[in-house]
Protein backbone atom coordinates (compact mmCIF):
# COMPACT_ATOMS: atom_id res chain seq x y z
CA MET A 1 -42.30 -76.28 -134.73
CA LYS A 2 -45.41 -78.43 -134.33
CA MET A 3 -47.24 -76.15 -136.73
CA LEU A 4 -44.49 -76.54 -139.34
CA ILE A 5 -44.64 -80.36 -139.14
CA LEU A 6 -48.44 -80.34 -139.30
CA THR A 7 -48.41 -78.03 -142.34
CA ALA A 8 -45.85 -80.22 -144.12
CA ALA A 9 -47.94 -83.33 -143.43
CA ILE A 10 -51.08 -81.69 -144.82
CA VAL A 11 -49.29 -80.48 -147.95
CA LEU A 12 -47.76 -83.91 -148.58
CA GLY A 13 -51.13 -85.57 -148.02
CA TRP A 14 -52.88 -83.30 -150.52
CA THR A 15 -50.08 -83.82 -153.03
CA ALA A 16 -50.43 -87.60 -152.77
CA ILE A 17 -54.21 -87.44 -153.18
CA TYR A 18 -54.00 -85.07 -156.15
CA SER A 19 -51.34 -87.11 -157.96
CA ASN A 20 -53.38 -90.33 -157.63
CA ARG A 21 -56.51 -88.70 -159.01
CA HIS A 22 -54.72 -87.63 -162.17
CA ALA A 23 -52.54 -90.69 -162.75
CA LYS A 24 -52.81 -92.19 -166.20
CA THR A 25 -53.88 -95.77 -166.51
CA GLU A 26 -52.20 -98.25 -168.83
CA SER A 27 -55.10 -98.00 -171.27
CA ASP A 28 -54.57 -94.22 -171.47
CA ILE A 29 -50.92 -94.69 -172.35
CA GLN A 30 -51.08 -97.62 -174.77
CA PRO A 31 -53.53 -97.54 -177.64
CA GLU A 32 -55.91 -100.46 -178.02
CA TYR A 33 -54.69 -103.10 -180.43
CA ARG A 34 -56.88 -105.70 -182.10
CA GLU A 35 -55.55 -108.97 -183.45
CA VAL A 36 -55.36 -109.38 -187.21
CA ASN A 37 -54.42 -112.29 -189.42
CA VAL A 38 -50.68 -112.56 -190.04
CA ASN A 39 -51.41 -112.56 -193.78
CA ALA A 40 -53.08 -109.14 -193.42
CA VAL A 41 -49.78 -107.50 -192.42
CA PRO A 42 -48.64 -105.19 -195.27
CA ALA A 43 -45.77 -106.36 -197.49
CA THR A 44 -43.69 -103.30 -196.52
CA ILE A 45 -43.74 -104.42 -192.89
CA LYS A 46 -42.89 -108.00 -193.81
CA ALA A 47 -39.94 -106.78 -195.93
CA ALA A 48 -38.71 -104.52 -193.12
CA LEU A 49 -39.09 -107.41 -190.68
CA GLU A 50 -37.00 -109.71 -192.88
CA THR A 51 -34.34 -107.01 -193.31
CA ALA A 52 -34.10 -106.09 -189.63
CA TYR A 53 -34.72 -109.51 -188.08
CA SER A 54 -33.88 -112.17 -190.66
CA GLY A 55 -34.82 -115.69 -189.71
CA THR A 56 -37.72 -114.69 -187.47
CA LYS A 57 -41.23 -116.08 -187.63
CA LEU A 58 -44.22 -113.76 -187.33
CA VAL A 59 -46.48 -115.45 -184.77
CA LYS A 60 -49.21 -112.85 -184.13
CA ALA A 61 -50.04 -109.39 -185.39
CA TYR A 62 -52.13 -106.60 -183.87
CA VAL A 63 -53.13 -103.21 -185.27
CA ASN A 64 -54.59 -100.06 -183.69
CA GLU A 65 -56.65 -97.16 -185.09
CA LYS A 66 -53.51 -95.30 -186.21
CA LYS A 67 -52.38 -98.29 -188.30
CA GLU A 68 -49.52 -99.00 -185.90
CA TYR A 69 -48.66 -102.65 -185.63
CA LYS A 70 -47.63 -104.77 -182.67
CA LEU A 71 -45.89 -107.90 -183.90
CA GLU A 72 -45.11 -110.97 -181.84
CA LEU A 73 -42.09 -112.80 -183.22
CA SER A 74 -40.42 -116.12 -182.57
CA VAL A 75 -36.63 -116.31 -182.84
CA ASN A 76 -34.86 -119.58 -181.96
CA ASN A 77 -37.69 -120.57 -179.60
CA GLN A 78 -37.61 -117.16 -177.91
CA LYS A 79 -40.46 -114.68 -178.17
CA ALA A 80 -40.12 -110.98 -178.85
CA THR A 81 -42.52 -108.11 -179.45
CA VAL A 82 -41.82 -105.21 -181.81
CA TYR A 83 -43.83 -102.16 -182.80
CA THR A 84 -43.96 -100.56 -186.25
CA ASP A 85 -46.04 -98.23 -188.37
CA ALA A 86 -47.64 -99.16 -191.71
CA ASN A 87 -44.42 -98.19 -193.56
CA GLY A 88 -42.20 -100.55 -191.58
CA ASN A 89 -40.58 -97.87 -189.40
CA TRP A 90 -39.69 -99.33 -186.00
């Protein structure tokens, strides 16, 4: 019985160590965005934004290497973040 408990503890310990070594960091999961001027956002995205979220104000815009946009919006003094591609697909 002692041997069974000891074996289980060793297996669980190795599992914990192995899973931590191969855990993805936030930078691995989310692509790096760089800030761009709000005026540099394509017209297709602005049109899609107006259609989907009328009355919002585009506060900040970010883009990554894949031309995916992260947009920070202001709606009635509340902030929101949305993600879209260059064609305005959410």
